[in-house]
């Protein structure tokens, strides 16, 4: 089985799992793969939206259940946490949708939202809407970026071989240097 058939068979499931854990990189790659014609664009958007929504929903539930004890561990960031919780209470719609787009808030954002006791009936629809907007935006960026990346992907094998040789040469030089250093240390003793 080649890589193309693996992507076609397991690509959507991998996108769901990947976007639950990481997000933007997986979503961009999904767009690139859709550009290559291996997966269908609407299903890529649906998959990464579903994964992103599930991931944030789980983190929100963790925040609702254990948020106080988790956040209490970050004593030196307490002012920032308090400020974020005030923003959540003042502008829940913007914060829930926007947390996906805030650098550094991908994991802690839904936990903060859960810990602020925003009701699930408010969080869930906003989470779904935010996941769809996020998935559509980043998948489209990946799709458009696929035009730029496609020529490079066709030569990936050559790039990969060059990187392996470079890493090998650097490792060899480093090992030789260590050997000389070790040998010089023995001669001094």
N, C-alpha and C. Protein backbone atom coordinates (compact mmCIF):
# COMPACT_ATOMS: atom_id res chain seq x y z
N UNK A 1 0.85 -1.18 0.00
CA UNK A 1 0.00 0.00 0.00
C UNK A 1 0.90 1.24 0.00
N UNK A 2 0.67 2.15 -0.93
CA UNK A 2 1.49 3.36 -1.01
C UNK A 2 0.87 4.48 -0.17
N UNK A 3 1.61 5.56 -0.05
CA UNK A 3 1.20 6.67 0.81
C UNK A 3 -0.11 7.30 0.34
N UNK A 4 -0.32 7.38 -0.98
CA UNK A 4 -1.56 7.97 -1.50
C UNK A 4 -2.79 7.17 -1.08
N UNK A 5 -2.70 5.84 -1.16
CA UNK A 5 -3.87 5.04 -0.77
C UNK A 5 -4.06 5.07 0.75
N UNK A 6 -2.97 5.17 1.52
CA UNK A 6 -3.10 5.32 2.97
C UNK A 6 -3.83 6.62 3.31
N UNK A 7 -3.45 7.70 2.62
CA UNK A 7 -4.12 8.99 2.86
C UNK A 7 -5.59 8.90 2.47
N UNK A 8 -5.87 8.27 1.33
CA UNK A 8 -7.26 8.17 0.90
C UNK A 8 -8.10 7.31 1.84
N UNK A 9 -7.51 6.27 2.43
CA UNK A 9 -8.27 5.38 3.32
C UNK A 9 -8.40 5.93 4.74
N UNK A 10 -7.32 6.52 5.26
CA UNK A 10 -7.31 6.92 6.66
C UNK A 10 -7.15 8.43 6.86
N UNK A 11 -7.15 9.18 5.80
CA UNK A 11 -6.88 10.62 5.88
C UNK A 11 -7.87 11.40 6.72
N UNK A 12 -9.16 11.13 6.54
CA UNK A 12 -10.17 11.89 7.28
C UNK A 12 -10.09 11.58 8.78
N UNK A 13 -9.92 10.31 9.12
CA UNK A 13 -9.78 9.94 10.53
C UNK A 13 -8.53 10.56 11.14
N UNK A 14 -7.44 10.55 10.38
CA UNK A 14 -6.19 11.16 10.87
C UNK A 14 -6.37 12.66 11.06
N UNK A 15 -7.14 13.31 10.19
CA UNK A 15 -7.40 14.74 10.35
C UNK A 15 -8.22 15.03 11.60
N UNK A 16 -9.19 14.18 11.88
CA UNK A 16 -10.00 14.38 13.09
C UNK A 16 -9.12 14.26 14.33
N UNK A 17 -8.35 13.19 14.41
CA UNK A 17 -7.50 12.97 15.58
C UNK A 17 -6.43 14.05 15.67
N UNK A 18 -5.81 14.37 14.55
CA UNK A 18 -4.75 15.38 14.54
C UNK A 18 -5.24 16.76 14.93
N UNK A 19 -6.42 17.12 14.47
CA UNK A 19 -6.93 18.45 14.81
C UNK A 19 -7.46 18.52 16.23
N UNK A 20 -7.75 17.37 16.83
CA UNK A 20 -8.10 17.36 18.25
C UNK A 20 -6.88 17.72 19.09
N UNK A 21 -5.75 17.20 18.68
CA UNK A 21 -4.53 17.37 19.47
C UNK A 21 -3.78 18.64 19.12
N UNK A 22 -3.58 18.91 17.86
CA UNK A 22 -2.68 19.99 17.49
C UNK A 22 -3.44 21.13 16.84
N UNK A 23 -3.89 20.96 15.66
CA UNK A 23 -4.71 21.98 15.05
C UNK A 23 -4.23 22.54 13.74
N UNK A 24 -3.60 23.72 13.79
CA UNK A 24 -3.33 24.48 12.58
C UNK A 24 -2.47 23.72 11.57
N UNK A 25 -1.42 23.09 12.02
CA UNK A 25 -0.54 22.38 11.09
C UNK A 25 -1.29 21.26 10.38
N UNK A 26 -2.05 20.49 11.13
CA UNK A 26 -2.83 19.39 10.56
C UNK A 26 -3.86 19.94 9.58
N UNK A 27 -4.50 21.03 9.95
CA UNK A 27 -5.53 21.63 9.10
C UNK A 27 -4.93 22.15 7.80
N UNK A 28 -3.79 22.82 7.90
CA UNK A 28 -3.10 23.30 6.70
C UNK A 28 -2.69 22.13 5.81
N UNK A 29 -2.16 21.07 6.41
CA UNK A 29 -1.78 19.89 5.62
C UNK A 29 -3.00 19.24 4.97
N UNK A 30 -4.13 19.24 5.68
CA UNK A 30 -5.36 18.73 5.09
C UNK A 30 -5.74 19.52 3.84
N UNK A 31 -5.58 20.83 3.90
CA UNK A 31 -5.85 21.67 2.72
C UNK A 31 -4.91 21.37 1.58
N UNK A 32 -3.64 21.14 1.89
CA UNK A 32 -2.65 20.80 0.86
C UNK A 32 -3.02 19.46 0.22
N UNK A 33 -3.40 18.50 1.05
CA UNK A 33 -3.77 17.17 0.53
C UNK A 33 -5.03 17.26 -0.32
N UNK A 34 -5.97 18.12 0.08
CA UNK A 34 -7.18 18.33 -0.74
C UNK A 34 -6.79 18.95 -2.08
N UNK A 35 -5.83 19.86 -2.06
CA UNK A 35 -5.35 20.47 -3.30
C UNK A 35 -4.74 19.42 -4.22
N UNK A 36 -4.08 18.45 -3.64
CA UNK A 36 -3.47 17.37 -4.43
C UNK A 36 -4.52 16.41 -4.99
N UNK A 37 -5.77 16.52 -4.52
CA UNK A 37 -6.84 15.68 -5.02
C UNK A 37 -6.98 14.35 -4.30
N UNK A 38 -6.23 14.16 -3.23
CA UNK A 38 -6.31 12.89 -2.50
C UNK A 38 -7.52 12.83 -1.57
N UNK A 39 -7.95 13.98 -1.06
CA UNK A 39 -9.13 14.07 -0.22
C UNK A 39 -10.03 15.18 -0.75
N UNK A 40 -11.30 15.11 -0.41
CA UNK A 40 -12.25 16.12 -0.87
C UNK A 40 -12.27 17.30 0.11
N UNK A 41 -12.20 18.51 -0.45
CA UNK A 41 -12.12 19.72 0.35
C UNK A 41 -13.24 19.85 1.39
N UNK A 42 -14.52 19.68 1.01
CA UNK A 42 -15.58 19.83 2.03
C UNK A 42 -15.46 18.82 3.17
N UNK A 43 -15.02 17.60 2.85
CA UNK A 43 -14.87 16.59 3.90
C UNK A 43 -13.65 16.88 4.78
N UNK A 44 -12.62 17.49 4.21
CA UNK A 44 -11.46 17.91 5.02
C UNK A 44 -11.91 18.98 6.01
N UNK A 45 -12.66 19.96 5.54
CA UNK A 45 -13.17 21.03 6.42
C UNK A 45 -14.03 20.41 7.51
N UNK A 46 -14.93 19.50 7.15
CA UNK A 46 -15.80 18.87 8.15
C UNK A 46 -14.99 18.06 9.16
N UNK A 47 -13.98 17.34 8.69
CA UNK A 47 -13.16 16.52 9.58
C UNK A 47 -12.38 17.35 10.59
N UNK A 48 -11.71 18.39 10.11
CA UNK A 48 -10.92 19.20 11.04
C UNK A 48 -11.82 20.03 11.95
N UNK A 49 -12.98 20.45 11.47
CA UNK A 49 -13.92 21.16 12.33
C UNK A 49 -14.41 20.23 13.44
N UNK A 50 -14.73 18.99 13.07
CA UNK A 50 -15.19 18.02 14.06
C UNK A 50 -14.09 17.75 15.09
N UNK A 51 -12.88 17.51 14.63
CA UNK A 51 -11.77 17.26 15.55
C UNK A 51 -11.49 18.44 16.46
N UNK A 52 -11.47 19.64 15.89
CA UNK A 52 -11.24 20.84 16.69
C UNK A 52 -12.33 21.07 17.71
N UNK A 53 -13.57 20.80 17.30
CA UNK A 53 -14.70 20.98 18.21
C UNK A 53 -14.65 19.96 19.34
N UNK A 54 -14.34 18.72 19.03
CA UNK A 54 -14.26 17.68 20.06
C UNK A 54 -13.12 17.99 21.03
N UNK A 55 -11.96 18.37 20.51
CA UNK A 55 -10.83 18.70 21.37
C UNK A 55 -11.14 19.83 22.32
N UNK A 56 -11.73 20.90 21.81
CA UNK A 56 -12.05 22.04 22.66
C UNK A 56 -13.18 21.70 23.65
N UNK A 57 -14.11 20.86 23.22
CA UNK A 57 -15.19 20.45 24.12
C UNK A 57 -14.63 19.65 25.29
N UNK A 58 -13.70 18.75 25.01
CA UNK A 58 -13.09 17.96 26.08
C UNK A 58 -12.30 18.85 27.05
N UNK A 59 -11.55 19.81 26.50
CA UNK A 59 -10.80 20.73 27.36
C UNK A 59 -11.73 21.62 28.18
N UNK A 60 -12.84 22.02 27.58
CA UNK A 60 -13.85 22.80 28.31
C UNK A 60 -14.39 21.99 29.50
N UNK A 61 -14.70 20.72 29.25
CA UNK A 61 -15.22 19.87 30.33
C UNK A 61 -14.17 19.65 31.42
N UNK A 62 -12.91 19.51 31.03
CA UNK A 62 -11.83 19.42 32.01
C UNK A 62 -11.78 20.70 32.84
N UNK A 63 -11.92 21.84 32.17
CA UNK A 63 -11.93 23.12 32.87
C UNK A 63 -13.09 23.26 33.84
N UNK A 64 -14.26 22.78 33.44
CA UNK A 64 -15.43 22.85 34.33
C UNK A 64 -15.23 21.98 35.56
N UNK A 65 -14.62 20.82 35.35
CA UNK A 65 -14.47 19.86 36.46
C UNK A 65 -13.24 20.15 37.32
N UNK A 66 -12.10 20.41 36.67
CA UNK A 66 -10.83 20.54 37.39
C UNK A 66 -10.16 21.90 37.21
N UNK A 67 -10.86 22.85 36.63
CA UNK A 67 -10.26 24.14 36.30
C UNK A 67 -9.64 24.86 37.48
N UNK A 68 -10.32 24.86 38.60
CA UNK A 68 -9.79 25.55 39.78
C UNK A 68 -8.45 24.99 40.21
N UNK A 69 -8.35 23.66 40.26
CA UNK A 69 -7.08 23.06 40.71
C UNK A 69 -5.99 23.20 39.65
N UNK A 70 -6.36 23.14 38.38
CA UNK A 70 -5.36 23.31 37.31
C UNK A 70 -4.82 24.73 37.32
N UNK A 71 -5.73 25.70 37.36
CA UNK A 71 -5.32 27.10 37.27
C UNK A 71 -4.60 27.58 38.52
N UNK A 72 -4.86 26.95 39.66
CA UNK A 72 -4.18 27.36 40.89
C UNK A 72 -2.69 27.03 40.85
N UNK A 73 -2.30 26.16 39.97
CA UNK A 73 -0.88 25.79 39.82
C UNK A 73 -0.07 26.88 39.13
N UNK A 74 -0.74 27.80 38.49
CA UNK A 74 -0.07 28.87 37.75
C UNK A 74 -0.16 30.17 38.54
N UNK A 75 0.40 30.17 39.71
CA UNK A 75 0.29 31.33 40.61
C UNK A 75 0.92 32.60 40.02
N UNK A 76 2.04 32.46 39.33
CA UNK A 76 2.69 33.66 38.80
C UNK A 76 1.93 34.25 37.60
N UNK A 77 0.97 33.51 37.06
CA UNK A 77 0.16 34.00 35.94
C UNK A 77 -1.26 34.35 36.38
N UNK A 78 -1.47 34.44 37.66
CA UNK A 78 -2.82 34.64 38.19
C UNK A 78 -3.48 35.92 37.68
N UNK A 79 -2.70 37.00 37.52
CA UNK A 79 -3.28 38.25 37.00
C UNK A 79 -3.80 38.06 35.58
N UNK A 80 -3.04 37.35 34.75
CA UNK A 80 -3.46 37.10 33.37
C UNK A 80 -4.69 36.19 33.34
N UNK A 81 -4.72 35.20 34.22
CA UNK A 81 -5.86 34.29 34.27
C UNK A 81 -7.12 35.05 34.69
N UNK A 82 -7.00 35.89 35.69
CA UNK A 82 -8.13 36.69 36.15
C UNK A 82 -8.62 37.63 35.04
N UNK A 83 -7.68 38.24 34.33
CA UNK A 83 -8.04 39.14 33.23
C UNK A 83 -8.77 38.37 32.13
N UNK A 84 -8.26 37.18 31.79
CA UNK A 84 -8.91 36.37 30.76
C UNK A 84 -10.31 35.95 31.20
N UNK A 85 -10.48 35.59 32.46
CA UNK A 85 -11.80 35.19 32.94
C UNK A 85 -12.79 36.36 32.93
N UNK A 86 -12.30 37.56 33.19
CA UNK A 86 -13.17 38.74 33.10
C UNK A 86 -13.61 38.95 31.65
N UNK A 87 -12.67 38.77 30.73
CA UNK A 87 -13.01 38.89 29.30
C UNK A 87 -14.04 37.83 28.89
N UNK A 88 -13.88 36.63 29.41
CA UNK A 88 -14.83 35.55 29.09
C UNK A 88 -16.22 35.93 29.59
N UNK A 89 -16.29 36.47 30.79
CA UNK A 89 -17.60 36.84 31.34
C UNK A 89 -18.22 38.04 30.63
N UNK A 90 -17.39 38.99 30.18
CA UNK A 90 -17.90 40.18 29.48
C UNK A 90 -18.24 39.89 28.02
N UNK A 91 -17.40 39.12 27.35
CA UNK A 91 -17.57 38.86 25.91
C UNK A 91 -17.45 37.38 25.61
N UNK A 92 -18.38 36.56 26.11
CA UNK A 92 -18.22 35.11 25.91
C UNK A 92 -18.24 34.70 24.44
N UNK A 93 -19.04 35.37 23.64
CA UNK A 93 -19.15 34.98 22.23
C UNK A 93 -17.82 35.18 21.51
N UNK A 94 -17.26 36.35 21.69
CA UNK A 94 -15.98 36.64 21.03
C UNK A 94 -14.85 35.77 21.58
N UNK A 95 -14.83 35.55 22.88
CA UNK A 95 -13.74 34.78 23.48
C UNK A 95 -13.78 33.32 23.04
N UNK A 96 -14.97 32.71 23.07
CA UNK A 96 -15.08 31.29 22.70
C UNK A 96 -14.69 31.08 21.24
N UNK A 97 -15.18 31.94 20.36
CA UNK A 97 -14.83 31.80 18.94
C UNK A 97 -13.38 32.20 18.71
N UNK A 98 -12.94 33.27 19.35
CA UNK A 98 -11.60 33.80 19.11
C UNK A 98 -10.47 33.03 19.75
N UNK A 99 -10.77 32.22 20.76
CA UNK A 99 -9.68 31.52 21.46
C UNK A 99 -8.90 30.60 20.52
N UNK A 100 -9.53 30.10 19.49
CA UNK A 100 -8.84 29.25 18.50
C UNK A 100 -7.79 30.02 17.73
N UNK A 101 -7.99 31.31 17.61
CA UNK A 101 -7.10 32.12 16.80
C UNK A 101 -6.05 32.86 17.62
N UNK A 102 -6.11 32.73 18.95
CA UNK A 102 -5.17 33.43 19.83
C UNK A 102 -3.96 32.53 20.08
N UNK A 103 -2.80 33.06 19.73
CA UNK A 103 -1.58 32.30 19.94
C UNK A 103 -1.38 32.02 21.42
N UNK A 104 -1.12 30.76 21.76
CA UNK A 104 -0.89 30.38 23.14
C UNK A 104 -2.15 30.02 23.92
N UNK A 105 -3.32 30.15 23.29
CA UNK A 105 -4.58 29.87 23.98
C UNK A 105 -5.26 28.61 23.48
N UNK A 106 -4.65 27.90 22.58
CA UNK A 106 -5.28 26.73 21.97
C UNK A 106 -5.66 25.69 23.02
N UNK A 107 -4.81 25.45 24.00
CA UNK A 107 -5.08 24.45 25.03
C UNK A 107 -5.71 25.10 26.26
N UNK A 108 -5.12 26.16 26.72
CA UNK A 108 -5.56 26.77 27.98
C UNK A 108 -6.88 27.54 27.82
N UNK A 109 -7.17 28.04 26.62
CA UNK A 109 -8.39 28.81 26.40
C UNK A 109 -9.66 28.06 26.79
N UNK A 110 -9.90 26.87 26.24
CA UNK A 110 -11.11 26.14 26.63
C UNK A 110 -11.14 25.75 28.11
N UNK A 111 -9.96 25.50 28.69
CA UNK A 111 -9.91 25.20 30.12
C UNK A 111 -10.33 26.43 30.92
N UNK A 112 -9.83 27.61 30.53
CA UNK A 112 -10.23 28.86 31.19
C UNK A 112 -11.73 29.09 31.05
N UNK A 113 -12.25 28.83 29.86
CA UNK A 113 -13.68 29.03 29.63
C UNK A 113 -14.49 28.09 30.52
N UNK A 114 -14.07 26.84 30.61
CA UNK A 114 -14.77 25.89 31.48
C UNK A 114 -14.69 26.28 32.94
N UNK A 115 -13.51 26.74 33.35
CA UNK A 115 -13.31 27.14 34.75
C UNK A 115 -14.10 28.40 35.10
N UNK A 116 -14.43 29.21 34.10
CA UNK A 116 -15.20 30.43 34.35
C UNK A 116 -16.70 30.12 34.48
N UNK A 117 -17.07 28.86 34.34
CA UNK A 117 -18.45 28.38 34.50
C UNK A 117 -19.41 28.96 33.46
N UNK A 118 -18.89 29.20 32.26
CA UNK A 118 -19.77 29.55 31.15
C UNK A 118 -20.66 28.34 30.90
N UNK A 119 -21.98 28.52 30.83
CA UNK A 119 -22.87 27.36 30.68
C UNK A 119 -22.60 26.58 29.39
N UNK A 120 -22.73 25.26 29.46
CA UNK A 120 -22.53 24.43 28.26
C UNK A 120 -23.47 24.81 27.11
N UNK A 121 -24.69 25.26 27.42
CA UNK A 121 -25.63 25.63 26.36
C UNK A 121 -25.16 26.87 25.60
N UNK A 122 -24.27 27.66 26.20
CA UNK A 122 -23.68 28.80 25.51
C UNK A 122 -22.40 28.37 24.80
N UNK A 123 -21.59 27.55 25.48
CA UNK A 123 -20.30 27.15 24.92
C UNK A 123 -20.45 26.27 23.68
N UNK A 124 -21.30 25.27 23.73
CA UNK A 124 -21.39 24.29 22.64
C UNK A 124 -21.68 24.91 21.27
N UNK A 125 -22.73 25.73 21.12
CA UNK A 125 -22.96 26.30 19.78
C UNK A 125 -21.83 27.23 19.33
N UNK A 126 -21.26 27.98 20.29
CA UNK A 126 -20.14 28.85 19.92
C UNK A 126 -18.91 28.04 19.54
N UNK A 127 -18.71 26.93 20.22
CA UNK A 127 -17.59 26.04 19.90
C UNK A 127 -17.76 25.47 18.50
N UNK A 128 -18.96 25.06 18.16
CA UNK A 128 -19.23 24.52 16.82
C UNK A 128 -19.00 25.60 15.77
N UNK A 129 -19.54 26.78 15.98
CA UNK A 129 -19.36 27.88 15.03
C UNK A 129 -17.88 28.24 14.88
N UNK A 130 -17.18 28.37 15.99
CA UNK A 130 -15.75 28.69 15.95
C UNK A 130 -14.95 27.63 15.23
N UNK A 131 -15.30 26.35 15.46
CA UNK A 131 -14.59 25.25 14.80
C UNK A 131 -14.80 25.29 13.29
N UNK A 132 -16.00 25.62 12.86
CA UNK A 132 -16.29 25.68 11.41
C UNK A 132 -15.53 26.84 10.77
N UNK A 133 -15.57 28.00 11.40
CA UNK A 133 -14.83 29.17 10.86
C UNK A 133 -13.34 28.87 10.79
N UNK A 134 -12.81 28.33 11.88
CA UNK A 134 -11.38 28.00 11.97
C UNK A 134 -10.99 26.97 10.91
N UNK A 135 -11.78 25.90 10.79
CA UNK A 135 -11.48 24.84 9.82
C UNK A 135 -11.54 25.37 8.40
N UNK A 136 -12.55 26.15 8.09
CA UNK A 136 -12.69 26.70 6.74
C UNK A 136 -11.52 27.61 6.40
N UNK A 137 -11.15 28.47 7.34
CA UNK A 137 -10.05 29.40 7.10
C UNK A 137 -8.72 28.69 6.88
N UNK A 138 -8.34 27.81 7.81
CA UNK A 138 -7.03 27.17 7.72
C UNK A 138 -6.96 26.11 6.63
N UNK A 139 -8.06 25.42 6.36
CA UNK A 139 -8.07 24.47 5.25
C UNK A 139 -7.93 25.21 3.93
N UNK A 140 -8.61 26.34 3.81
CA UNK A 140 -8.49 27.15 2.59
C UNK A 140 -7.07 27.67 2.42
N UNK A 141 -6.45 28.12 3.51
CA UNK A 141 -5.05 28.56 3.43
C UNK A 141 -4.15 27.42 2.97
N UNK A 142 -4.39 26.23 3.50
CA UNK A 142 -3.61 25.06 3.08
C UNK A 142 -3.86 24.71 1.62
N UNK A 143 -5.11 24.82 1.20
CA UNK A 143 -5.46 24.52 -0.19
C UNK A 143 -4.76 25.49 -1.14
N UNK A 144 -4.83 26.77 -0.80
CA UNK A 144 -4.17 27.79 -1.63
C UNK A 144 -2.65 27.62 -1.54
N UNK A 145 -2.15 27.33 -0.35
CA UNK A 145 -0.72 27.10 -0.17
C UNK A 145 -0.25 25.88 -0.91
N UNK A 146 -1.16 24.94 -1.17
CA UNK A 146 -0.81 23.74 -1.93
C UNK A 146 -0.28 24.07 -3.32
N UNK A 147 -0.74 25.17 -3.86
CA UNK A 147 -0.25 25.62 -5.17
C UNK A 147 1.24 25.95 -5.08
N UNK A 148 1.65 26.54 -3.98
CA UNK A 148 3.05 26.90 -3.78
C UNK A 148 3.87 25.68 -3.37
N UNK A 149 3.27 24.83 -2.51
CA UNK A 149 4.00 23.70 -1.95
C UNK A 149 4.09 22.53 -2.93
N UNK A 150 3.13 22.41 -3.84
CA UNK A 150 3.07 21.25 -4.72
C UNK A 150 4.37 20.96 -5.46
N UNK A 151 5.02 21.95 -6.08
CA UNK A 151 6.28 21.63 -6.76
C UNK A 151 7.35 21.10 -5.80
N UNK A 152 7.37 21.63 -4.58
CA UNK A 152 8.33 21.17 -3.59
C UNK A 152 8.03 19.74 -3.17
N UNK A 153 6.73 19.40 -3.01
CA UNK A 153 6.36 18.05 -2.60
C UNK A 153 6.76 17.01 -3.64
N UNK A 154 6.72 17.39 -4.91
CA UNK A 154 7.12 16.44 -5.96
C UNK A 154 8.60 16.12 -5.87
N UNK A 155 9.38 17.04 -5.33
CA UNK A 155 10.82 16.81 -5.17
C UNK A 155 11.18 16.47 -3.73
N UNK A 156 10.19 16.07 -2.93
CA UNK A 156 10.43 15.79 -1.52
C UNK A 156 11.50 14.73 -1.32
N UNK A 157 11.49 13.73 -2.16
CA UNK A 157 12.47 12.66 -2.04
C UNK A 157 13.89 13.21 -2.14
N UNK A 158 14.13 14.10 -3.08
CA UNK A 158 15.46 14.69 -3.22
C UNK A 158 15.82 15.57 -2.03
N UNK A 159 14.85 16.37 -1.54
CA UNK A 159 15.09 17.21 -0.37
C UNK A 159 15.40 16.35 0.85
N UNK A 160 14.64 15.27 1.00
CA UNK A 160 14.81 14.39 2.14
C UNK A 160 16.20 13.76 2.13
N UNK A 161 16.63 13.31 0.96
CA UNK A 161 17.97 12.72 0.86
C UNK A 161 19.05 13.73 1.23
N UNK A 162 18.92 14.96 0.80
CA UNK A 162 19.91 15.99 1.14
C UNK A 162 19.95 16.25 2.64
N UNK A 163 18.77 16.30 3.28
CA UNK A 163 18.73 16.52 4.72
C UNK A 163 19.36 15.35 5.48
N UNK A 164 19.12 14.14 5.02
CA UNK A 164 19.73 12.97 5.67
C UNK A 164 21.24 13.05 5.56
N UNK A 165 21.76 13.39 4.39
CA UNK A 165 23.21 13.52 4.23
C UNK A 165 23.77 14.63 5.11
N UNK A 166 23.08 15.76 5.17
CA UNK A 166 23.53 16.87 6.00
C UNK A 166 23.57 16.48 7.48
N UNK A 167 22.51 15.84 7.96
CA UNK A 167 22.47 15.40 9.36
C UNK A 167 23.57 14.37 9.61
N UNK A 168 23.78 13.47 8.66
CA UNK A 168 24.83 12.47 8.80
C UNK A 168 26.21 13.08 8.90
N UNK A 169 26.51 14.07 8.06
CA UNK A 169 27.81 14.73 8.07
C UNK A 169 28.01 15.49 9.38
N UNK A 170 26.97 16.21 9.82
CA UNK A 170 27.07 16.95 11.08
C UNK A 170 27.30 15.98 12.25
N UNK A 171 26.58 14.86 12.26
CA UNK A 171 26.75 13.87 13.33
C UNK A 171 28.16 13.27 13.29
N UNK A 172 28.67 12.99 12.10
CA UNK A 172 30.02 12.44 11.97
C UNK A 172 31.07 13.42 12.49
N UNK A 173 30.97 14.68 12.12
CA UNK A 173 31.91 15.71 12.59
C UNK A 173 31.82 15.83 14.11
N UNK A 174 30.62 15.80 14.65
CA UNK A 174 30.44 15.90 16.10
C UNK A 174 31.06 14.70 16.81
N UNK A 175 30.86 13.48 16.27
CA UNK A 175 31.44 12.28 16.88
C UNK A 175 32.97 12.31 16.82
N UNK A 176 33.53 12.76 15.71
CA UNK A 176 34.99 12.86 15.59
C UNK A 176 35.53 13.85 16.60
N UNK A 177 34.84 14.96 16.75
CA UNK A 177 35.25 15.98 17.73
C UNK A 177 35.22 15.41 19.15
N UNK A 178 34.17 14.67 19.48
CA UNK A 178 34.07 14.05 20.80
C UNK A 178 35.20 13.04 21.02
N UNK A 179 35.50 12.28 19.99
CA UNK A 179 36.56 11.28 20.09
C UNK A 179 37.90 11.95 20.37
N UNK A 180 38.22 13.04 19.61
CA UNK A 180 39.47 13.77 19.84
C UNK A 180 39.51 14.38 21.24
N UNK A 181 38.39 14.91 21.69
CA UNK A 181 38.32 15.51 23.02
C UNK A 181 38.54 14.45 24.10
N UNK A 182 37.93 13.30 23.92
CA UNK A 182 38.09 12.20 24.86
C UNK A 182 39.53 11.69 24.87
N UNK A 183 40.11 11.57 23.71
CA UNK A 183 41.50 11.11 23.57
C UNK A 183 42.47 12.11 24.22
N UNK A 184 42.24 13.41 24.01
CA UNK A 184 43.10 14.42 24.63
C UNK A 184 42.98 14.39 26.16
N UNK A 185 41.77 14.11 26.66
CA UNK A 185 41.58 14.01 28.09
C UNK A 185 42.32 12.82 28.69
N UNK A 186 42.39 11.70 27.96
CA UNK A 186 43.12 10.52 28.43
C UNK A 186 44.63 10.77 28.44
N UNK A 187 45.13 11.50 27.45
CA UNK A 187 46.57 11.78 27.36
C UNK A 187 47.01 12.69 28.51
N UNK A 188 46.13 13.59 28.97
CA UNK A 188 46.48 14.47 30.08
C UNK A 188 46.54 13.72 31.39
N UNK A 189 45.74 12.65 31.52
CA UNK A 189 45.76 11.87 32.77
C UNK A 189 46.98 11.03 32.79
